[in-house]
Amino acid sequence: MSDPYKAQSAMIGKILELLEPHGIEPISVNGNDLTSDKEELGLFINSMNWLIKEEIIRVDRYQGITRWVGCHLSAKGMYLLGRQINIGGDLVPMRSALKEAQSGTWDHAKFGDFIGGVFGGVFKSINS
């Protein structure tokens, strides 16, 4: 897995870990609060847009290019976070995998498993 996927996995984990405790309770998310690095801020914006388009999260409105208001998990997002995924041969609750992905300490194979688990959850919820 290339470094961009590793960075993307970590950012998706960071965003979902931020939203997970709130469930359907809307919160505001500002990329400038999560990073001051311009390149990482661009990754944050792309990750938020991807999560929205994949209907894993919902957002009421945007304020500028780095702030989303009324962010919360969708039903698909809640389902995804409730799944267990195979990480390095072990079944791990997605909620636990988020914390690990966000930390950025996994090797490439584990990040691949995490992304596979995210995509698998999205595809399974589409087909259900």
C-alpha atoms as a PDB file:
ATOM      1  CA  MET A   1       0.000   0.000   0.000  1.00  0.00           C
ATOM      2  CA  SER A   2       1.359   3.387  -0.912  1.00  0.00           C
ATOM      3  CA  ASP A   3       1.882   6.194   1.554  1.00  0.00           C
ATOM      4  CA  PRO A   4      -1.138   8.154   0.235  1.00  0.00           C
ATOM      5  CA  TYR A   5      -3.430   5.272   1.256  1.00  0.00           C
ATOM      6  CA  LYS A   6      -1.782   5.149   4.662  1.00  0.00           C
ATOM      7  CA  ALA A   7      -2.347   8.892   5.122  1.00  0.00           C
ATOM      8  CA  GLN A   8      -5.914   8.605   3.808  1.00  0.00           C
ATOM      9  CA  SER A   9      -6.673   5.735   6.188  1.00  0.00           C
ATOM     10  CA  ALA A  10      -5.316   7.694   9.119  1.00  0.00           C
ATOM     11  CA  MET A  11      -7.370  10.788   8.192  1.00  0.00           C
ATOM     12  CA  ILE A  12     -10.586   8.797   7.676  1.00  0.00           C
ATOM     13  CA  GLY A  13      -9.942   7.165  11.048  1.00  0.00           C
ATOM     14  CA  LYS A  14      -9.399  10.576  12.660  1.00  0.00           C
ATOM     15  CA  ILE A  15     -12.665  11.963  11.268  1.00  0.00           C
ATOM     16  CA  LEU A  16     -14.775   8.940  12.156  1.00  0.00           C
ATOM     17  CA  GLU A  17     -13.214   8.742  15.611  1.00  0.00           C
ATOM     18  CA  LEU A  18     -14.219  12.377  16.133  1.00  0.00           C
ATOM     19  CA  LEU A  19     -17.829  11.744  15.034  1.00  0.00           C
ATOM     20  CA  GLU A  20     -18.360   8.262  16.532  1.00  0.00           C
ATOM     21  CA  PRO A  21     -19.010   9.303  20.154  1.00  0.00           C
ATOM     22  CA  HIS A  22     -21.738  11.712  18.998  1.00  0.00           C
ATOM     23  CA  GLY A  23     -23.603   9.243  16.763  1.00  0.00           C
ATOM     24  CA  ILE A  24     -26.501  11.135  15.199  1.00  0.00           C
ATOM     25  CA  GLU A  25     -25.986  14.226  17.376  1.00  0.00           C
ATOM     26  CA  PRO A  26     -24.724  16.909  14.971  1.00  0.00           C
ATOM     27  CA  ILE A  27     -21.429  18.646  15.680  1.00  0.00           C
ATOM     28  CA  SER A  28     -19.250  21.138  13.837  1.00  0.00           C
ATOM     29  CA  VAL A  29     -15.966  19.930  12.375  1.00  0.00           C
ATOM     30  CA  ASN A  30     -13.210  22.352  11.439  1.00  0.00           C
ATOM     31  CA  GLY A  31     -10.161  21.060   9.607  1.00  0.00           C
ATOM     32  CA  ASN A  32      -8.091  23.930  10.987  1.00  0.00           C
ATOM     33  CA  ASP A  33      -8.657  22.506  14.486  1.00  0.00           C
ATOM     34  CA  LEU A  34      -7.299  19.117  13.419  1.00  0.00           C
ATOM     35  CA  THR A  35      -4.214  20.209  11.515  1.00  0.00           C
ATOM     36  CA  SER A  36      -2.173  23.258  10.647  1.00  0.00           C
ATOM     37  CA  ASP A  37      -0.350  21.506   7.806  1.00  0.00           C
ATOM     38  CA  LYS A  38      -1.656  22.723   4.421  1.00  0.00           C
ATOM     39  CA  GLU A  39      -1.182  19.343   2.684  1.00  0.00           C
ATOM     40  CA  GLU A  40      -2.898  17.476   5.514  1.00  0.00           C
ATOM     41  CA  LEU A  41      -5.728  20.038   5.470  1.00  0.00           C
ATOM     42  CA  GLY A  42      -6.293  19.229   1.789  1.00  0.00           C
ATOM     43  CA  LEU A  43      -6.417  15.535   2.691  1.00  0.00           C
ATOM     44  CA  PHE A  44      -8.928  16.344   5.450  1.00  0.00           C
ATOM     45  CA  ILE A  45     -11.175  18.176   2.956  1.00  0.00           C
ATOM     46  CA  ASN A  46     -10.957  15.319   0.447  1.00  0.00           C
ATOM     47  CA  SER A  47     -11.649  12.738   3.163  1.00  0.00           C
ATOM     48  CA  MET A  48     -14.700  14.655   4.429  1.00  0.00           C
ATOM     49  CA  ASN A  49     -16.056  14.958   0.896  1.00  0.00           C
ATOM     50  CA  TRP A  50     -15.488  11.233   0.289  1.00  0.00           C
ATOM     51  CA  LEU A  51     -17.240  10.249   3.544  1.00  0.00           C
ATOM     52  CA  ILE A  52     -20.184  12.491   2.618  1.00  0.00           C
ATOM     53  CA  LYS A  53     -20.461  11.181  -0.943  1.00  0.00           C
ATOM     54  CA  GLU A  54     -20.250   7.579   0.281  1.00  0.00           C
ATOM     55  CA  GLU A  55     -23.101   8.486   2.692  1.00  0.00           C
ATOM     56  CA  ILE A  56     -21.109   7.412   5.752  1.00  0.00           C
ATOM     57  CA  ILE A  57     -21.628  10.843   7.309  1.00  0.00           C
ATOM     58  CA  ARG A  58     -24.115  13.635   6.756  1.00  0.00           C
ATOM     59  CA  VAL A  59     -23.540  17.364   6.915  1.00  0.00           C
ATOM     60  CA  ASP A  60     -26.098  20.173   7.144  1.00  0.00           C
ATOM     61  CA  ARG A  61     -23.951  22.922   5.619  1.00  0.00           C
ATOM     62  CA  TYR A  62     -20.470  24.209   4.905  1.00  0.00           C
ATOM     63  CA  GLN A  63     -18.862  27.374   6.274  1.00  0.00           C
ATOM     64  CA  GLY A  64     -15.875  28.240   4.140  1.00  0.00           C
ATOM     65  CA  ILE A  65     -13.764  25.416   2.762  1.00  0.00           C
ATOM     66  CA  THR A  66     -12.617  23.813   6.027  1.00  0.00           C
ATOM     67  CA  ARG A  67     -15.656  23.909   8.333  1.00  0.00           C
ATOM     68  CA  TRP A  68     -18.681  21.613   8.210  1.00  0.00           C
ATOM     69  CA  VAL A  69     -21.695  22.283  10.429  1.00  0.00           C
ATOM     70  CA  GLY A  70     -24.191  19.646  11.533  1.00  0.00           C
ATOM     71  CA  CYS A  71     -21.927  16.631  10.948  1.00  0.00           C
ATOM     72  CA  HIS A  72     -23.186  13.267  12.151  1.00  0.00           C
ATOM     73  CA  LEU A  73     -23.085   9.595  11.281  1.00  0.00           C
ATOM     74  CA  SER A  74     -25.604   8.222   8.812  1.00  0.00           C
ATOM     75  CA  ALA A  75     -27.289   4.845   9.295  1.00  0.00           C
ATOM     76  CA  LYS A  76     -24.655   3.417   6.946  1.00  0.00           C
ATOM     77  CA  GLY A  77     -21.915   4.984   9.079  1.00  0.00           C
ATOM     78  CA  MET A  78     -23.380   3.551  12.276  1.00  0.00           C
ATOM     79  CA  TYR A  79     -23.614   0.117  10.649  1.00  0.00           C
ATOM     80  CA  LEU A  80     -20.029   0.385   9.452  1.00  0.00           C
ATOM     81  CA  LEU A  81     -18.742   1.298  12.918  1.00  0.00           C
ATOM     82  CA  GLY A  82     -20.643  -1.613  14.455  1.00  0.00           C
ATOM     83  CA  ARG A  83     -18.977  -4.211  12.202  1.00  0.00           C
ATOM     84  CA  GLN A  84     -15.986  -6.345  12.998  1.00  0.00           C
ATOM     85  CA  ILE A  85     -13.228  -6.353  10.411  1.00  0.00           C
ATOM     86  CA  ASN A  86     -10.217  -8.566   9.859  1.00  0.00           C
ATOM     87  CA  ILE A  87      -7.043  -6.646  10.733  1.00  0.00           C
ATOM     88  CA  GLY A  88      -3.884  -8.702  10.409  1.00  0.00           C
ATOM     89  CA  GLY A  89      -5.778 -11.962  10.925  1.00  0.00           C
ATOM     90  CA  ASP A  90      -7.710 -10.772  13.999  1.00  0.00           C
ATOM     91  CA  LEU A  91     -11.377  -9.748  14.074  1.00  0.00           C
ATOM     92  CA  VAL A  92     -11.447  -6.235  15.485  1.00  0.00           C
ATOM     93  CA  PRO A  93     -14.471  -3.988  16.111  1.00  0.00           C
ATOM     94  CA  MET A  94     -14.397  -1.114  13.628  1.00  0.00           C
ATOM     95  CA  ARG A  95     -14.557   1.329  16.547  1.00  0.00           C
ATOM     96  CA  SER A  96     -11.257  -0.068  17.857  1.00  0.00           C
ATOM     97  CA  ALA A  97      -9.745  -0.107  14.377  1.00  0.00           C
ATOM     98  CA  LEU A  98     -10.525   3.621  14.038  1.00  0.00           C
ATOM     99  CA  LYS A  99      -8.338   4.454  17.009  1.00  0.00           C
ATOM    100  CA  GLU A 100      -5.514   2.371  15.614  1.00  0.00           C
ATOM    101  CA  ALA A 101      -5.843   3.821  12.106  1.00  0.00           C
ATOM    102  CA  GLN A 102      -5.877   7.350  13.473  1.00  0.00           C
ATOM    103  CA  SER A 103      -2.652   6.740  15.406  1.00  0.00           C
ATOM    104  CA  GLY A 104      -0.808   5.982  12.161  1.00  0.00           C
ATOM    105  CA  THR A 105       1.282   3.187  13.719  1.00  0.00           C
ATOM    106  CA  TRP A 106       0.082   0.267  11.581  1.00  0.00           C
ATOM    107  CA  ASP A 107       2.124  -1.284   8.834  1.00  0.00           C
ATOM    108  CA  HIS A 108       0.910  -1.125   5.231  1.00  0.00           C
ATOM    109  CA  ALA A 109      -0.888  -4.488   5.397  1.00  0.00           C
ATOM    110  CA  LYS A 110      -3.004  -3.424   8.383  1.00  0.00           C
ATOM    111  CA  PHE A 111      -3.913  -0.133   6.698  1.00  0.00           C
ATOM    112  CA  GLY A 112      -4.944  -2.181   3.668  1.00  0.00           C
ATOM    113  CA  ASP A 113      -7.155  -4.323   5.900  1.00  0.00           C
ATOM    114  CA  PHE A 114      -8.697  -1.163   7.402  1.00  0.00           C
ATOM    115  CA  ILE A 115      -9.493   0.395   4.013  1.00  0.00           C
ATOM    116  CA  GLY A 116     -10.827  -2.980   2.863  1.00  0.00           C
ATOM    117  CA  GLY A 117     -13.056  -3.070   5.944  1.00  0.00           C
ATOM    118  CA  VAL A 118     -14.370   0.426   5.258  1.00  0.00           C
ATOM    119  CA  PHE A 119     -15.087  -0.379   1.605  1.00  0.00           C
ATOM    120  CA  GLY A 120     -16.507  -3.791   2.523  1.00  0.00           C
ATOM    121  CA  GLY A 121     -18.898  -2.158   4.966  1.00  0.00           C
ATOM    122  CA  VAL A 122     -19.982   0.388   2.389  1.00  0.00           C
ATOM    123  CA  PHE A 123     -20.560  -2.284  -0.275  1.00  0.00           C
ATOM    124  CA  LYS A 124     -22.346  -4.621   2.123  1.00  0.00           C
ATOM    125  CA  SER A 125     -24.702  -1.870   3.276  1.00  0.00           C
ATOM    126  CA  ILE A 126     -25.444  -0.982  -0.357  1.00  0.00           C
ATOM    127  CA  ASN A 127     -26.323  -4.593  -1.168  1.00  0.00           C
ATOM    128  CA  SER A 128     -28.393  -5.209   1.974  1.00  0.00           C
END
